[in-house]
Amino acid sequence: MERLVKKYEQRYKRANECLARWNTSQAKLLGLFSNAAAVIQRFPLLLSRDCFEELEGRDDLVGKQAESLEKILSIMRETLLDLEDVCKDFEKLWRDAANLLKNEKPKPTRQQLQQRFGSRPSLEDCVSGLKELYAMHRDEYALKADIISSLTYDTKANDIAAMQTVLADQPNLPPDEGTFFFIKTQQEKNEKKKKQKL
């Protein structure tokens, strides 16, 4: 059974890479959303006759802002695809982990599934942890996709602020989720290195 735990350790390393990719795309999405919000909030002012009635080329300026917004929205949709890819990778890691157990012969007993090996998690913990990582990111992706699809030229400032808060907060993703296993594994490696030096 310890052999399987080592295989799961490799999958958690890949999950850590997925987390890094998610965080990079999340930061990019937040930056793009801020840019889109700034453009959207300019439209009422640019279209106001009181402020710009005599401004030459006002229509051109509005057109350029609209073009800029379309580009930003397009890049946001591409970034959402990156996040979706991360979700798919999490799902694959979880399904592969479940199949490892399913294909194991002889089948592990309930006691073996719950048995821990030193500071390492049990087989059951390994599989359920990957499933939880997938489920959380899947739900968070769905939320982000809904928010981005709701962003339009005439979205109100209050709504934009609320959307931005939810995007940044990631309520479905505890910030330390998925890192505990990696920290434990790294601590074990560091301890082994110290022993080897002695």
N, C-alpha and C. Protein backbone atom coordinates (compact mmCIF):
# COMPACT_ATOMS: atom_id res chain seq x y z
N MET A 1 0.82 -1.21 0.00
CA MET A 1 0.00 0.00 0.00
C MET A 1 0.86 1.27 0.00
N GLU A 2 2.02 1.19 0.63
CA GLU A 2 2.91 2.36 0.65
C GLU A 2 3.36 2.70 -0.76
N ARG A 3 3.47 1.67 -1.61
CA ARG A 3 3.83 1.89 -3.01
C ARG A 3 2.80 2.79 -3.69
N LEU A 4 1.53 2.57 -3.40
CA LEU A 4 0.47 3.40 -3.98
C LEU A 4 0.54 4.83 -3.47
N VAL A 5 0.84 4.98 -2.19
CA VAL A 5 0.94 6.33 -1.63
C VAL A 5 2.04 7.11 -2.36
N LYS A 6 3.14 6.44 -2.70
CA LYS A 6 4.22 7.12 -3.44
C LYS A 6 3.75 7.55 -4.82
N LYS A 7 2.91 6.72 -5.44
CA LYS A 7 2.35 7.10 -6.75
C LYS A 7 1.45 8.32 -6.60
N TYR A 8 0.69 8.34 -5.51
CA TYR A 8 -0.18 9.49 -5.27
C TYR A 8 0.64 10.75 -5.00
N GLU A 9 1.78 10.56 -4.39
CA GLU A 9 2.66 11.72 -4.13
C GLU A 9 3.02 12.41 -5.44
N GLN A 10 3.26 11.62 -6.49
CA GLN A 10 3.57 12.20 -7.81
C GLN A 10 2.37 12.98 -8.34
N ARG A 11 1.18 12.46 -8.12
CA ARG A 11 -0.01 13.17 -8.59
C ARG A 11 -0.23 14.46 -7.82
N TYR A 12 0.12 14.49 -6.56
CA TYR A 12 0.00 15.73 -5.79
C TYR A 12 1.03 16.76 -6.21
N LYS A 13 2.18 16.28 -6.67
CA LYS A 13 3.17 17.23 -7.21
C LYS A 13 2.61 17.89 -8.46
N ARG A 14 1.93 17.09 -9.29
CA ARG A 14 1.31 17.66 -10.49
C ARG A 14 0.15 18.58 -10.11
N ALA A 15 -0.56 18.22 -9.05
CA ALA A 15 -1.64 19.09 -8.57
C ALA A 15 -1.08 20.43 -8.12
N ASN A 16 0.09 20.41 -7.53
CA ASN A 16 0.75 21.66 -7.10
C ASN A 16 1.06 22.54 -8.30
N GLU A 17 1.48 21.90 -9.40
CA GLU A 17 1.74 22.65 -10.64
C GLU A 17 0.44 23.25 -11.17
N CYS A 18 -0.66 22.49 -11.06
CA CYS A 18 -1.98 23.00 -11.47
C CYS A 18 -2.37 24.22 -10.64
N LEU A 19 -2.10 24.16 -9.35
CA LEU A 19 -2.41 25.29 -8.46
C LEU A 19 -1.63 26.54 -8.88
N ALA A 20 -0.36 26.35 -9.26
CA ALA A 20 0.46 27.49 -9.69
C ALA A 20 -0.10 28.09 -10.97
N ARG A 21 -0.52 27.24 -11.91
CA ARG A 21 -1.11 27.73 -13.16
C ARG A 21 -2.42 28.46 -12.89
N TRP A 22 -3.22 27.92 -11.98
CA TRP A 22 -4.49 28.57 -11.63
C TRP A 22 -4.23 29.96 -11.07
N ASN A 23 -3.28 30.07 -10.15
CA ASN A 23 -2.99 31.36 -9.51
C ASN A 23 -2.49 32.39 -10.53
N THR A 24 -1.69 31.93 -11.49
CA THR A 24 -1.20 32.84 -12.54
C THR A 24 -2.35 33.36 -13.39
N SER A 25 -3.24 32.45 -13.80
CA SER A 25 -4.40 32.86 -14.62
C SER A 25 -5.37 33.71 -13.82
N GLN A 26 -5.52 33.40 -12.54
CA GLN A 26 -6.40 34.19 -11.67
C GLN A 26 -5.90 35.63 -11.58
N ALA A 27 -4.59 35.80 -11.38
CA ALA A 27 -4.01 37.15 -11.30
C ALA A 27 -4.22 37.91 -12.61
N LYS A 28 -4.03 37.20 -13.73
CA LYS A 28 -4.23 37.81 -15.04
C LYS A 28 -5.69 38.23 -15.23
N LEU A 29 -6.61 37.36 -14.82
CA LEU A 29 -8.04 37.65 -14.96
C LEU A 29 -8.44 38.88 -14.15
N LEU A 30 -7.90 39.00 -12.95
CA LEU A 30 -8.20 40.17 -12.11
C LEU A 30 -7.70 41.46 -12.75
N GLY A 31 -6.51 41.42 -13.32
CA GLY A 31 -5.97 42.60 -13.99
C GLY A 31 -6.81 43.00 -15.19
N LEU A 32 -7.22 42.01 -15.97
CA LEU A 32 -8.06 42.28 -17.14
C LEU A 32 -9.42 42.83 -16.73
N PHE A 33 -9.98 42.27 -15.65
CA PHE A 33 -11.28 42.74 -15.18
C PHE A 33 -11.20 44.21 -14.76
N SER A 34 -10.12 44.57 -14.08
CA SER A 34 -9.93 45.98 -13.67
C SER A 34 -9.87 46.89 -14.89
N ASN A 35 -9.16 46.44 -15.93
CA ASN A 35 -9.07 47.24 -17.16
C ASN A 35 -10.43 47.38 -17.82
N ALA A 36 -11.17 46.26 -17.88
CA ALA A 36 -12.50 46.30 -18.49
C ALA A 36 -13.43 47.22 -17.69
N ALA A 37 -13.34 47.14 -16.37
CA ALA A 37 -14.18 47.99 -15.52
C ALA A 37 -13.89 49.46 -15.76
N ALA A 38 -12.62 49.80 -15.91
CA ALA A 38 -12.25 51.20 -16.14
C ALA A 38 -12.84 51.72 -17.45
N VAL A 39 -12.81 50.86 -18.48
CA VAL A 39 -13.37 51.28 -19.78
C VAL A 39 -14.88 51.44 -19.68
N ILE A 40 -15.55 50.46 -19.08
CA ILE A 40 -17.02 50.50 -18.96
C ILE A 40 -17.47 51.74 -18.20
N GLN A 41 -16.72 52.10 -17.16
CA GLN A 41 -17.12 53.24 -16.35
C GLN A 41 -16.87 54.58 -17.06
N ARG A 42 -16.11 54.56 -18.17
CA ARG A 42 -15.91 55.78 -18.95
C ARG A 42 -17.09 56.08 -19.88
N PHE A 43 -17.79 55.02 -20.28
CA PHE A 43 -18.84 55.21 -21.29
C PHE A 43 -19.90 56.24 -20.90
N PRO A 44 -20.46 56.19 -19.70
CA PRO A 44 -21.50 57.19 -19.37
C PRO A 44 -20.99 58.63 -19.50
N LEU A 45 -19.73 58.84 -19.11
CA LEU A 45 -19.16 60.18 -19.19
C LEU A 45 -18.95 60.60 -20.65
N LEU A 46 -18.41 59.67 -21.46
CA LEU A 46 -18.16 59.98 -22.87
C LEU A 46 -19.45 60.24 -23.64
N LEU A 47 -20.52 59.57 -23.23
CA LEU A 47 -21.79 59.71 -23.94
C LEU A 47 -22.65 60.84 -23.39
N SER A 48 -22.17 61.48 -22.33
CA SER A 48 -22.93 62.56 -21.72
C SER A 48 -22.82 63.84 -22.56
N ARG A 49 -23.96 64.36 -23.00
CA ARG A 49 -23.97 65.59 -23.80
C ARG A 49 -23.53 66.80 -22.96
N ASP A 50 -23.81 66.74 -21.67
CA ASP A 50 -23.45 67.86 -20.80
C ASP A 50 -21.94 68.07 -20.76
N CYS A 51 -21.21 66.95 -20.77
CA CYS A 51 -19.75 67.05 -20.63
C CYS A 51 -19.04 67.20 -21.97
N PHE A 52 -19.53 66.54 -23.00
CA PHE A 52 -18.75 66.48 -24.24
C PHE A 52 -19.55 66.88 -25.49
N GLU A 53 -20.47 67.77 -25.30
CA GLU A 53 -21.32 68.16 -26.44
C GLU A 53 -20.50 68.76 -27.57
N GLU A 54 -19.50 69.54 -27.23
CA GLU A 54 -18.72 70.24 -28.25
C GLU A 54 -17.43 69.50 -28.62
N LEU A 55 -17.16 68.36 -28.01
CA LEU A 55 -15.89 67.66 -28.25
C LEU A 55 -15.86 67.06 -29.65
N GLU A 56 -14.84 67.47 -30.43
CA GLU A 56 -14.69 66.91 -31.77
C GLU A 56 -14.21 65.47 -31.66
N GLY A 57 -14.72 64.63 -32.55
CA GLY A 57 -14.27 63.25 -32.59
C GLY A 57 -14.77 62.42 -31.42
N ARG A 58 -15.86 62.86 -30.79
CA ARG A 58 -16.36 62.11 -29.63
C ARG A 58 -16.76 60.70 -30.05
N ASP A 59 -17.40 60.57 -31.20
CA ASP A 59 -17.83 59.25 -31.67
C ASP A 59 -16.64 58.33 -31.90
N ASP A 60 -15.56 58.91 -32.43
CA ASP A 60 -14.35 58.11 -32.65
C ASP A 60 -13.78 57.63 -31.32
N LEU A 61 -13.82 58.51 -30.33
CA LEU A 61 -13.30 58.17 -29.01
C LEU A 61 -14.12 57.04 -28.38
N VAL A 62 -15.44 57.14 -28.50
CA VAL A 62 -16.32 56.09 -27.96
C VAL A 62 -16.05 54.78 -28.70
N GLY A 63 -15.88 54.87 -30.02
CA GLY A 63 -15.60 53.68 -30.82
C GLY A 63 -14.31 53.01 -30.41
N LYS A 64 -13.28 53.82 -30.16
CA LYS A 64 -11.99 53.25 -29.74
C LYS A 64 -12.09 52.59 -28.37
N GLN A 65 -12.86 53.20 -27.49
CA GLN A 65 -13.06 52.60 -26.16
C GLN A 65 -13.80 51.27 -26.27
N ALA A 66 -14.81 51.24 -27.16
CA ALA A 66 -15.57 50.00 -27.38
C ALA A 66 -14.67 48.91 -27.95
N GLU A 67 -13.81 49.31 -28.88
CA GLU A 67 -12.86 48.35 -29.47
C GLU A 67 -11.89 47.82 -28.42
N SER A 68 -11.43 48.72 -27.57
CA SER A 68 -10.53 48.33 -26.49
C SER A 68 -11.19 47.34 -25.54
N LEU A 69 -12.47 47.61 -25.22
CA LEU A 69 -13.20 46.72 -24.32
C LEU A 69 -13.37 45.34 -24.94
N GLU A 70 -13.68 45.31 -26.24
CA GLU A 70 -13.85 44.01 -26.91
C GLU A 70 -12.57 43.18 -26.87
N LYS A 71 -11.43 43.84 -27.03
CA LYS A 71 -10.14 43.13 -26.95
C LYS A 71 -9.92 42.57 -25.56
N ILE A 72 -10.22 43.39 -24.56
CA ILE A 72 -10.03 42.94 -23.17
C ILE A 72 -10.95 41.75 -22.87
N LEU A 73 -12.22 41.85 -23.30
CA LEU A 73 -13.16 40.76 -23.06
C LEU A 73 -12.73 39.48 -23.76
N SER A 74 -12.15 39.62 -24.95
CA SER A 74 -11.66 38.46 -25.69
C SER A 74 -10.52 37.78 -24.95
N ILE A 75 -9.59 38.57 -24.41
CA ILE A 75 -8.47 38.00 -23.65
C ILE A 75 -8.97 37.37 -22.35
N MET A 76 -10.00 37.97 -21.75
CA MET A 76 -10.59 37.39 -20.55
C MET A 76 -11.18 36.02 -20.84
N ARG A 77 -11.84 35.88 -21.99
CA ARG A 77 -12.41 34.59 -22.36
C ARG A 77 -11.31 33.55 -22.58
N GLU A 78 -10.20 33.99 -23.17
CA GLU A 78 -9.06 33.07 -23.34
C GLU A 78 -8.50 32.65 -21.98
N THR A 79 -8.45 33.58 -21.06
CA THR A 79 -7.94 33.28 -19.71
C THR A 79 -8.87 32.31 -19.00
N LEU A 80 -10.17 32.47 -19.22
CA LEU A 80 -11.14 31.51 -18.65
C LEU A 80 -10.88 30.11 -19.21
N LEU A 81 -10.51 30.01 -20.49
CA LEU A 81 -10.19 28.71 -21.08
C LEU A 81 -8.98 28.08 -20.39
N ASP A 82 -8.01 28.94 -20.02
CA ASP A 82 -6.84 28.44 -19.27
C ASP A 82 -7.28 27.86 -17.93
N LEU A 83 -8.19 28.56 -17.26
CA LEU A 83 -8.70 28.07 -15.97
C LEU A 83 -9.49 26.77 -16.16
N GLU A 84 -10.23 26.70 -17.25
CA GLU A 84 -10.99 25.47 -17.54
C GLU A 84 -10.03 24.30 -17.77
N ASP A 85 -8.92 24.56 -18.45
CA ASP A 85 -7.91 23.52 -18.67
C ASP A 85 -7.34 23.01 -17.36
N VAL A 86 -7.12 23.92 -16.43
CA VAL A 86 -6.63 23.51 -15.10
C VAL A 86 -7.65 22.60 -14.42
N CYS A 87 -8.92 22.96 -14.52
CA CYS A 87 -9.99 22.12 -13.94
C CYS A 87 -9.96 20.72 -14.55
N LYS A 88 -9.79 20.65 -15.86
CA LYS A 88 -9.74 19.35 -16.54
C LYS A 88 -8.55 18.53 -16.06
N ASP A 89 -7.43 19.21 -15.83
CA ASP A 89 -6.24 18.50 -15.32
C ASP A 89 -6.48 17.98 -13.91
N PHE A 90 -7.14 18.78 -13.07
CA PHE A 90 -7.49 18.32 -11.72
C PHE A 90 -8.42 17.10 -11.80
N GLU A 91 -9.38 17.16 -12.72
CA GLU A 91 -10.31 16.02 -12.86
C GLU A 91 -9.55 14.76 -13.28
N LYS A 92 -8.62 14.92 -14.23
CA LYS A 92 -7.84 13.76 -14.69
C LYS A 92 -7.00 13.17 -13.56
N LEU A 93 -6.37 14.04 -12.76
CA LEU A 93 -5.58 13.56 -11.63
C LEU A 93 -6.45 12.76 -10.66
N TRP A 94 -7.65 13.26 -10.39
CA TRP A 94 -8.55 12.57 -9.46
C TRP A 94 -8.99 11.22 -10.05
N ARG A 95 -9.40 11.22 -11.33
CA ARG A 95 -9.88 9.98 -11.95
C ARG A 95 -8.76 8.94 -12.05
N ASP A 96 -7.56 9.40 -12.38
CA ASP A 96 -6.40 8.48 -12.43
C ASP A 96 -6.14 7.88 -11.05
N ALA A 97 -6.26 8.72 -10.03
CA ALA A 97 -6.04 8.25 -8.65
C ALA A 97 -7.07 7.20 -8.26
N ALA A 98 -8.33 7.45 -8.63
CA ALA A 98 -9.40 6.50 -8.32
C ALA A 98 -9.20 5.19 -9.07
N ASN A 99 -8.73 5.28 -10.33
CA ASN A 99 -8.49 4.08 -11.14
C ASN A 99 -7.33 3.25 -10.61
N LEU A 100 -6.35 3.93 -10.02
CA LEU A 100 -5.24 3.18 -9.42
C LEU A 100 -5.76 2.20 -8.37
N LEU A 101 -6.67 2.69 -7.54
CA LEU A 101 -7.25 1.83 -6.51
C LEU A 101 -8.14 0.76 -7.13
N LYS A 102 -8.93 1.16 -8.14
CA LYS A 102 -9.86 0.23 -8.76
C LYS A 102 -9.12 -0.94 -9.41
N ASN A 103 -7.97 -0.64 -10.01
CA ASN A 103 -7.21 -1.66 -10.74
C ASN A 103 -6.24 -2.44 -9.86
N GLU A 104 -6.12 -2.05 -8.61
CA GLU A 104 -5.19 -2.72 -7.69
C GLU A 104 -5.67 -4.15 -7.41
N LYS A 105 -4.74 -5.10 -7.49
CA LYS A 105 -5.08 -6.50 -7.19
C LYS A 105 -4.05 -7.06 -6.22
N PRO A 106 -4.52 -7.64 -5.10
CA PRO A 106 -5.92 -7.74 -4.68
C PRO A 106 -6.46 -6.37 -4.24
N LYS A 107 -7.77 -6.25 -4.22
CA LYS A 107 -8.40 -4.99 -3.82
C LYS A 107 -8.04 -4.66 -2.37
N PRO A 108 -7.67 -3.40 -2.11
CA PRO A 108 -7.37 -3.02 -0.71
C PRO A 108 -8.61 -3.15 0.18
N THR A 109 -8.39 -3.57 1.39
CA THR A 109 -9.49 -3.65 2.35
C THR A 109 -9.80 -2.25 2.88
N ARG A 110 -10.92 -2.12 3.57
CA ARG A 110 -11.29 -0.83 4.17
C ARG A 110 -10.20 -0.37 5.13
N GLN A 111 -9.65 -1.30 5.88
CA GLN A 111 -8.59 -0.97 6.85
C GLN A 111 -7.34 -0.47 6.13
N GLN A 112 -7.00 -1.12 5.02
CA GLN A 112 -5.82 -0.70 4.25
C GLN A 112 -6.03 0.69 3.63
N LEU A 113 -7.26 0.97 3.22
CA LEU A 113 -7.55 2.28 2.63
C LEU A 113 -7.37 3.41 3.64
N GLN A 114 -7.62 3.12 4.92
CA GLN A 114 -7.55 4.14 5.96
C GLN A 114 -6.22 4.14 6.71
N GLN A 115 -5.36 3.17 6.38
CA GLN A 115 -4.07 3.07 7.08
C GLN A 115 -3.14 4.20 6.67
N ARG A 116 -2.47 4.78 7.66
CA ARG A 116 -1.50 5.84 7.39
C ARG A 116 -0.08 5.29 7.45
N PHE A 117 0.81 5.89 6.67
CA PHE A 117 2.20 5.45 6.62
C PHE A 117 3.08 6.59 7.12
N GLY A 118 3.37 6.57 8.41
CA GLY A 118 4.12 7.67 9.02
C GLY A 118 3.31 8.94 8.94
N SER A 119 3.94 10.00 8.45
CA SER A 119 3.25 11.29 8.35
C SER A 119 2.45 11.42 7.06
N ARG A 120 2.54 10.41 6.20
CA ARG A 120 1.82 10.47 4.93
C ARG A 120 0.33 10.17 5.13
N PRO A 121 -0.49 10.68 4.20
CA PRO A 121 -1.94 10.43 4.32
C PRO A 121 -2.28 8.99 3.93
N SER A 122 -3.49 8.59 4.24
CA SER A 122 -3.97 7.26 3.84
C SER A 122 -4.32 7.29 2.35
N LEU A 123 -4.53 6.10 1.77
CA LEU A 123 -4.96 6.00 0.37
C LEU A 123 -6.29 6.73 0.17
N GLU A 124 -7.17 6.55 1.12
CA GLU A 124 -8.48 7.20 1.06
C GLU A 124 -8.34 8.73 1.06
N ASP A 125 -7.44 9.23 1.90
CA ASP A 125 -7.19 10.68 1.96
C ASP A 125 -6.63 11.19 0.63
N CYS A 126 -5.74 10.40 0.03
CA CYS A 126 -5.11 10.82 -1.23
C CYS A 126 -6.16 11.01 -2.32
N VAL A 127 -7.05 10.03 -2.45
CA VAL A 127 -8.07 10.10 -3.51
C VAL A 127 -9.10 11.19 -3.21
N SER A 128 -9.59 11.23 -1.97
CA SER A 128 -10.61 12.23 -1.64
C SER A 128 -10.04 13.65 -1.71
N GLY A 129 -8.76 13.80 -1.39
CA GLY A 129 -8.13 15.12 -1.48
C GLY A 129 -8.09 15.62 -2.92
N LEU A 130 -7.74 14.74 -3.85
CA LEU A 130 -7.70 15.13 -5.26
C LEU A 130 -9.11 15.42 -5.79
N LYS A 131 -10.08 14.64 -5.32
CA LYS A 131 -11.47 14.89 -5.73
C LYS A 131 -11.93 16.25 -5.23
N GLU A 132 -11.56 16.60 -4.01
CA GLU A 132 -11.97 17.88 -3.43
C GLU A 132 -11.31 19.04 -4.17
N LEU A 133 -10.03 18.89 -4.51
CA LEU A 133 -9.36 19.93 -5.28
C LEU A 133 -10.05 20.16 -6.62
N TYR A 134 -10.41 19.07 -7.28
CA TYR A 134 -11.11 19.19 -8.56
C TYR A 134 -12.47 19.88 -8.38
N ALA A 135 -13.25 19.42 -7.40
CA ALA A 135 -14.61 19.96 -7.20
C ALA A 135 -14.56 21.45 -6.88
N MET A 136 -13.63 21.86 -6.02
CA MET A 136 -13.54 23.28 -5.65
C MET A 136 -13.19 24.15 -6.85
N HIS A 137 -12.22 23.71 -7.65
CA HIS A 137 -11.80 24.51 -8.80
C HIS A 137 -12.87 24.50 -9.89
N ARG A 138 -13.57 23.38 -10.06
CA ARG A 138 -14.67 23.32 -11.02
C ARG A 138 -15.75 24.34 -10.65
N ASP A 139 -16.13 24.37 -9.37
CA ASP A 139 -17.17 25.30 -8.93
C ASP A 139 -16.71 26.75 -9.04
N GLU A 140 -15.45 26.98 -8.70
CA GLU A 140 -14.92 28.35 -8.78
C GLU A 140 -14.84 28.81 -10.23
N TYR A 141 -14.47 27.89 -11.12
CA TYR A 141 -14.43 28.23 -12.55
C TYR A 141 -15.82 28.61 -13.06
N ALA A 142 -16.83 27.82 -12.68
CA ALA A 142 -18.21 28.10 -13.11
C ALA A 142 -18.66 29.48 -12.64
N LEU A 143 -18.29 29.84 -11.42
CA LEU A 143 -18.63 31.15 -10.88
C LEU A 143 -17.96 32.26 -11.67
N LYS A 144 -16.67 32.09 -11.96
CA LYS A 144 -15.94 33.11 -12.72
C LYS A 144 -16.52 33.26 -14.13
N ALA A 145 -16.84 32.14 -14.76
CA ALA A 145 -17.40 32.18 -16.11
C ALA A 145 -18.73 32.94 -16.13
N ASP A 146 -19.56 32.73 -15.11
CA ASP A 146 -20.84 33.45 -15.01
C ASP A 146 -20.61 34.95 -14.85
N ILE A 147 -19.64 35.31 -14.02
CA ILE A 147 -19.35 36.73 -13.78
C ILE A 147 -18.88 37.40 -15.06
N ILE A 148 -17.93 36.76 -15.75
CA ILE A 148 -17.37 37.37 -16.97
C ILE A 148 -18.45 37.48 -18.05
N SER A 149 -19.31 36.47 -18.16
CA SER A 149 -20.37 36.52 -19.19
C SER A 149 -21.41 37.60 -18.86
N SER A 150 -21.49 38.01 -17.60
CA SER A 150 -22.46 39.04 -17.18
C SER A 150 -21.93 40.45 -17.38
N LEU A 151 -20.63 40.57 -17.67
CA LEU A 151 -20.03 41.90 -17.82
C LEU A 151 -20.34 42.46 -19.21
N THR A 152 -21.05 43.60 -19.25
CA THR A 152 -21.43 44.21 -20.52
C THR A 152 -21.11 45.71 -20.49
N TYR A 153 -21.36 46.36 -21.63
CA TYR A 153 -21.09 47.80 -21.76
C TYR A 153 -21.84 48.64 -20.73
N ASP A 154 -23.04 48.17 -20.39
CA ASP A 154 -23.88 48.99 -19.50
C ASP A 154 -23.97 48.44 -18.07
N THR A 155 -23.00 47.60 -17.68
CA THR A 155 -22.98 47.11 -16.30
C THR A 155 -22.76 48.28 -15.34
N LYS A 156 -23.58 48.34 -14.30
CA LYS A 156 -23.51 49.45 -13.33
C LYS A 156 -22.25 49.35 -12.46
N ALA A 157 -21.79 50.49 -11.99
CA ALA A 157 -20.56 50.56 -11.19
C ALA A 157 -20.66 49.70 -9.93
N ASN A 158 -21.81 49.73 -9.27
CA ASN A 158 -21.98 48.92 -8.05
C ASN A 158 -21.87 47.43 -8.34
N ASP A 159 -22.45 47.02 -9.49
CA ASP A 159 -22.40 45.61 -9.88
C ASP A 159 -20.97 45.20 -10.22
N ILE A 160 -20.25 46.09 -10.90
CA ILE A 160 -18.86 45.82 -11.24
C ILE A 160 -18.02 45.62 -9.98
N ALA A 161 -18.24 46.48 -8.99
CA ALA A 161 -17.49 46.37 -7.73
C ALA A 161 -17.78 45.05 -7.04
N ALA A 162 -19.05 44.63 -7.05
CA ALA A 162 -19.43 43.36 -6.42
C ALA A 162 -18.80 42.18 -7.16
N MET A 163 -18.83 42.23 -8.49
CA MET A 163 -18.23 41.17 -9.30
C MET A 163 -16.74 41.05 -9.02
N GLN A 164 -16.09 42.21 -8.94
CA GLN A 164 -14.64 42.22 -8.72
C GLN A 164 -14.29 41.62 -7.36
N THR A 165 -15.10 41.90 -6.37
CA THR A 165 -14.88 41.36 -5.02
C THR A 165 -14.97 39.84 -5.03
N VAL A 166 -15.98 39.31 -5.71
CA VAL A 166 -16.16 37.85 -5.77
C VAL A 166 -15.02 37.20 -6.56
N LEU A 167 -14.62 37.83 -7.66
CA LEU A 167 -13.51 37.29 -8.45
C LEU A 167 -12.23 37.20 -7.62
N ALA A 168 -11.96 38.24 -6.85
CA ALA A 168 -10.72 38.29 -6.07
C ALA A 168 -10.77 37.38 -4.85
N ASP A 169 -11.96 37.25 -4.27
CA ASP A 169 -12.10 36.53 -3.00
C ASP A 169 -11.95 35.02 -3.16
N GLN A 170 -12.38 34.45 -4.28
CA GLN A 170 -12.37 33.00 -4.49
C GLN A 170 -12.91 32.25 -3.27
N PRO A 171 -14.17 32.49 -2.92
CA PRO A 171 -14.71 31.91 -1.68
C PRO A 171 -14.71 30.39 -1.64
N ASN A 172 -14.68 29.74 -2.81
CA ASN A 172 -14.69 28.28 -2.83
C ASN A 172 -13.31 27.66 -2.62
N LEU A 173 -12.27 28.50 -2.59
CA LEU A 173 -10.90 27.98 -2.52
C LEU A 173 -10.18 28.48 -1.28
N PRO A 174 -10.14 27.68 -0.21
CA PRO A 174 -9.33 28.07 0.94
C PRO A 174 -7.88 28.25 0.50
N PRO A 175 -7.21 29.32 0.93
CA PRO A 175 -5.87 29.63 0.41
C PRO A 175 -4.83 28.56 0.68
N ASP A 176 -4.99 27.77 1.75
CA ASP A 176 -3.98 26.76 2.06
C ASP A 176 -4.38 25.37 1.58
N GLU A 177 -5.50 25.27 0.83
CA GLU A 177 -5.97 23.96 0.39
C GLU A 177 -4.97 23.35 -0.58
N GLY A 178 -4.63 22.11 -0.36
CA GLY A 178 -3.72 21.42 -1.26
C GLY A 178 -2.26 21.59 -0.94
N THR A 179 -1.92 22.45 -0.01
CA THR A 179 -0.50 22.68 0.27
C THR A 179 0.01 21.84 1.44
N PHE A 180 -0.87 21.38 2.32
CA PHE A 180 -0.44 20.66 3.51
C PHE A 180 0.37 19.42 3.14
N PHE A 181 -0.13 18.67 2.16
CA PHE A 181 0.56 17.45 1.73
C PHE A 181 1.96 17.78 1.23
N PHE A 182 2.09 18.84 0.44
CA PHE A 182 3.38 19.20 -0.13
C PHE A 182 4.37 19.60 0.95
N ILE A 183 3.88 20.35 1.94
CA ILE A 183 4.74 20.79 3.03
C ILE A 183 5.28 19.58 3.79
N LYS A 184 4.39 18.64 4.08
CA LYS A 184 4.79 17.42 4.79
C LYS A 184 5.85 16.67 4.00
N THR A 185 5.59 16.52 2.69
CA THR A 185 6.51 15.77 1.83
C THR A 185 7.87 16.45 1.80
N GLN A 186 7.88 17.77 1.67
CA GLN A 186 9.14 18.50 1.63
C GLN A 186 9.89 18.39 2.96
N GLN A 187 9.15 18.43 4.07
CA GLN A 187 9.78 18.28 5.39
C GLN A 187 10.46 16.92 5.51
N GLU A 188 9.79 15.88 5.01
CA GLU A 188 10.37 14.55 5.05
C GLU A 188 11.67 14.50 4.26
N LYS A 189 11.67 15.11 3.07
CA LYS A 189 12.88 15.12 2.23
C LYS A 189 14.01 15.87 2.91
N ASN A 190 13.69 16.99 3.54
CA ASN A 190 14.71 17.77 4.24
C ASN A 190 15.31 16.98 5.40
N GLU A 191 14.46 16.24 6.12
CA GLU A 191 14.94 15.42 7.23
C GLU A 191 15.87 14.32 6.76
N LYS A 192 15.52 13.71 5.60
CA LYS A 192 16.36 12.65 5.04
C LYS A 192 17.74 13.20 4.65
N LYS A 193 17.73 14.40 4.05
CA LYS A 193 19.00 15.03 3.67
C LYS A 193 19.87 15.30 4.87
N LYS A 194 19.26 15.77 5.96
CA LYS A 194 20.02 16.04 7.19
C LYS A 194 20.65 14.76 7.74
N LYS A 195 19.87 13.66 7.72
CA LYS A 195 20.38 12.38 8.21
C LYS A 195 21.53 11.88 7.36
N GLN A 196 21.42 12.08 6.03
CA GLN A 196 22.48 11.64 5.12
C GLN A 196 23.77 12.41 5.37
N LYS A 197 23.65 13.70 5.69
CA LYS A 197 24.85 14.52 5.97
C LYS A 197 25.54 14.07 7.25
N LEU A 198 24.72 13.60 8.23
CA LEU A 198 25.27 13.13 9.50
C LEU A 198 25.91 11.77 9.29
